[in-house]
Amino acid sequence: MRILIDADSCPVLDIAQEIARKNDVELLIFADLNHNLTINYGQKIVVDQKSQSVDMKIFNMCKPGDIVITQDYGLASLVLGKEVTPVSPKGKIFSDNNIKYLLMRRHNNAKIRRATGRHHSHKKRQKKDDLKFEKILKKLIKI
């Protein structure tokens, strides 16, 4: 099992690095050329800045049993087909049971933005989000 992180705007990068380091889990961190990341554990994989480059690299490199950390519902739906466990930085595990709803909600929000220019914004990240993510990631790697 490995952990692959879609690191473009990933708020839990430090938490994931620490958990992976403490448990000797291979960690792959993906970002495009525009993101200058400093990491203290794992391997940084830099891709070009074209649209979806990071997502496609993660999809091509993930293997059954891996964990992918992403906020991107599209990437989550793709890796589900490869027997990978996608999880959000808020600790939500994406599954076949919830991904269709999430993709439809994303589609509807995009339609609303095109029509009105607005939709409900995301809630501000809180400490409890970090704690939930940490608990879920530890559970997934079976600590």
Protein backbone atom coordinates (compact mmCIF):
# COMPACT_ATOMS: atom_id res chain seq x y z
CA MET A 1 0.00 0.00 0.00
CA ARG A 2 1.14 3.51 -0.86
CA ILE A 3 -0.29 6.95 -0.28
CA LEU A 4 -0.56 9.22 -3.32
CA ILE A 5 -1.40 12.88 -2.73
CA ASP A 6 -2.91 15.36 -5.16
CA ALA A 7 -0.90 18.14 -3.52
CA ASP A 8 -2.20 21.13 -5.46
CA SER A 9 -3.86 23.04 -2.59
CA CYS A 10 -3.83 20.07 -0.21
CA PRO A 11 -4.39 21.30 3.36
CA VAL A 12 -3.33 18.00 4.98
CA LEU A 13 0.03 17.50 3.34
CA ASP A 14 1.95 17.80 6.62
CA ILE A 15 -0.40 15.44 8.47
CA ALA A 16 -0.18 12.80 5.72
CA GLN A 17 3.62 13.07 5.58
CA GLU A 18 3.92 12.58 9.33
CA ILE A 19 1.60 9.56 9.42
CA ALA A 20 3.34 7.97 6.42
CA ARG A 21 6.80 8.59 7.92
CA LYS A 22 5.90 7.20 11.34
CA ASN A 23 4.43 4.07 9.77
CA ASP A 24 7.01 3.58 7.01
CA VAL A 25 4.40 3.89 4.25
CA GLU A 26 5.59 4.90 0.80
CA LEU A 27 4.38 8.43 -0.01
CA LEU A 28 4.13 9.97 -3.47
CA ILE A 29 3.30 13.69 -3.65
CA PHE A 30 2.13 15.05 -7.01
CA ALA A 31 2.13 18.72 -8.02
CA ASP A 32 2.48 20.77 -11.17
CA LEU A 33 5.31 23.16 -11.99
CA ASN A 34 3.41 26.12 -10.48
CA HIS A 35 3.47 24.66 -6.97
CA ASN A 36 6.75 24.96 -5.12
CA LEU A 37 6.30 22.39 -2.36
CA THR A 38 8.75 21.67 0.40
CA ILE A 39 8.38 18.15 1.73
CA ASN A 40 10.06 16.35 4.62
CA TYR A 41 9.07 12.79 3.70
CA GLY A 42 8.14 11.00 0.52
CA GLN A 43 8.86 11.49 -3.13
CA LYS A 44 7.76 14.65 -4.92
CA ILE A 45 6.63 14.09 -8.51
CA VAL A 46 6.36 17.26 -10.58
CA VAL A 47 4.34 17.31 -13.80
CA ASP A 48 3.67 19.97 -16.40
CA GLN A 49 1.03 22.62 -15.80
CA LYS A 50 -1.49 21.42 -18.37
CA SER A 51 -5.05 20.86 -17.23
CA GLN A 52 -5.50 17.53 -15.43
CA SER A 53 -1.78 16.62 -15.64
CA VAL A 54 -1.55 15.82 -11.94
CA ASP A 55 -4.77 13.81 -12.00
CA MET A 56 -3.68 11.74 -15.00
CA LYS A 57 -0.24 11.05 -13.49
CA ILE A 58 -1.85 9.87 -10.24
CA PHE A 59 -4.35 7.72 -12.16
CA ASN A 60 -1.58 6.13 -14.22
CA MET A 61 0.64 5.42 -11.21
CA CYS A 62 -1.87 4.18 -8.63
CA LYS A 63 -2.29 0.47 -7.98
CA PRO A 64 -4.92 -1.63 -6.22
CA GLY A 65 -4.66 -1.15 -2.45
CA ASP A 66 -3.27 2.39 -2.67
CA ILE A 67 -4.79 5.41 -0.93
CA VAL A 68 -5.26 8.60 -2.95
CA ILE A 69 -5.77 11.87 -1.09
CA THR A 70 -7.66 14.35 -3.27
CA GLN A 71 -10.38 16.98 -3.22
CA ASP A 72 -11.17 16.23 -6.87
CA TYR A 73 -14.33 14.17 -7.34
CA GLY A 74 -13.37 13.36 -10.94
CA LEU A 75 -10.04 11.88 -9.90
CA ALA A 76 -11.72 10.03 -7.03
CA SER A 77 -14.20 8.43 -9.45
CA LEU A 78 -11.40 7.36 -11.79
CA VAL A 79 -9.25 5.68 -9.14
CA LEU A 80 -12.22 3.85 -7.64
CA GLY A 81 -12.21 1.74 -10.80
CA LYS A 82 -8.64 0.66 -10.00
CA GLU A 83 -9.50 -0.66 -6.51
CA VAL A 84 -7.89 2.35 -4.86
CA THR A 85 -9.32 4.12 -1.82
CA PRO A 86 -9.74 7.84 -2.44
CA VAL A 87 -10.14 10.06 0.62
CA SER A 88 -10.70 13.80 0.90
CA PRO A 89 -8.65 16.14 3.10
CA LYS A 90 -11.73 16.36 5.33
CA GLY A 91 -11.64 12.60 5.91
CA LYS A 92 -14.48 11.65 3.56
CA ILE A 93 -13.90 8.27 1.96
CA PHE A 94 -15.16 8.28 -1.61
CA SER A 95 -16.93 5.09 -2.64
CA ASP A 96 -19.16 3.66 -5.34
CA ASN A 97 -22.07 4.52 -3.01
CA ASN A 98 -21.43 8.28 -2.85
CA ILE A 99 -19.40 9.30 -5.92
CA LYS A 100 -22.33 9.62 -8.34
CA TYR A 101 -24.12 11.99 -5.97
CA LEU A 102 -20.97 14.08 -5.48
CA LEU A 103 -20.32 14.30 -9.23
CA MET A 104 -23.95 15.34 -9.83
CA ARG A 105 -23.72 17.99 -7.13
CA ARG A 106 -20.52 19.32 -8.73
CA HIS A 107 -22.27 19.44 -12.11
CA ASN A 108 -25.30 21.26 -10.67
CA ASN A 109 -23.07 23.79 -8.88
CA ALA A 110 -21.26 24.48 -12.15
CA LYS A 111 -24.60 25.09 -13.87
CA ILE A 112 -25.60 27.50 -11.10
CA ARG A 113 -22.29 29.37 -11.38
CA ARG A 114 -22.71 29.71 -15.15
CA ALA A 115 -26.25 31.02 -14.73
CA THR A 116 -25.85 33.30 -11.71
CA GLY A 117 -22.15 33.44 -10.98
CA ARG A 118 -22.71 32.16 -7.44
CA HIS A 119 -23.35 29.13 -5.32
CA HIS A 120 -22.84 28.20 -1.70
CA SER A 121 -19.21 28.44 -0.74
CA HIS A 122 -17.31 25.82 1.17
CA LYS A 123 -17.14 26.04 4.92
CA LYS A 124 -13.88 27.28 6.39
CA ARG A 125 -11.52 24.47 7.40
CA GLN A 126 -11.48 23.73 11.12
CA LYS A 127 -9.26 21.76 13.48
CA LYS A 128 -11.90 19.03 13.64
CA ASP A 129 -11.43 18.47 9.89
CA ASP A 130 -7.73 17.76 10.47
CA LEU A 131 -8.54 15.39 13.32
CA LYS A 132 -11.12 13.50 11.25
CA PHE A 133 -8.68 13.19 8.34
CA GLU A 134 -5.93 11.93 10.64
CA LYS A 135 -8.24 9.33 12.21
CA ILE A 136 -9.47 8.09 8.82
CA LEU A 137 -5.98 7.87 7.30
CA LYS A 138 -4.69 5.92 10.29
CA LYS A 139 -7.68 3.58 10.02
CA LEU A 140 -7.05 3.06 6.30
CA ILE A 141 -3.42 2.10 6.87
CA LYS A 142 -4.56 -0.01 9.83
CA ILE A 143 -2.63 1.58 12.68
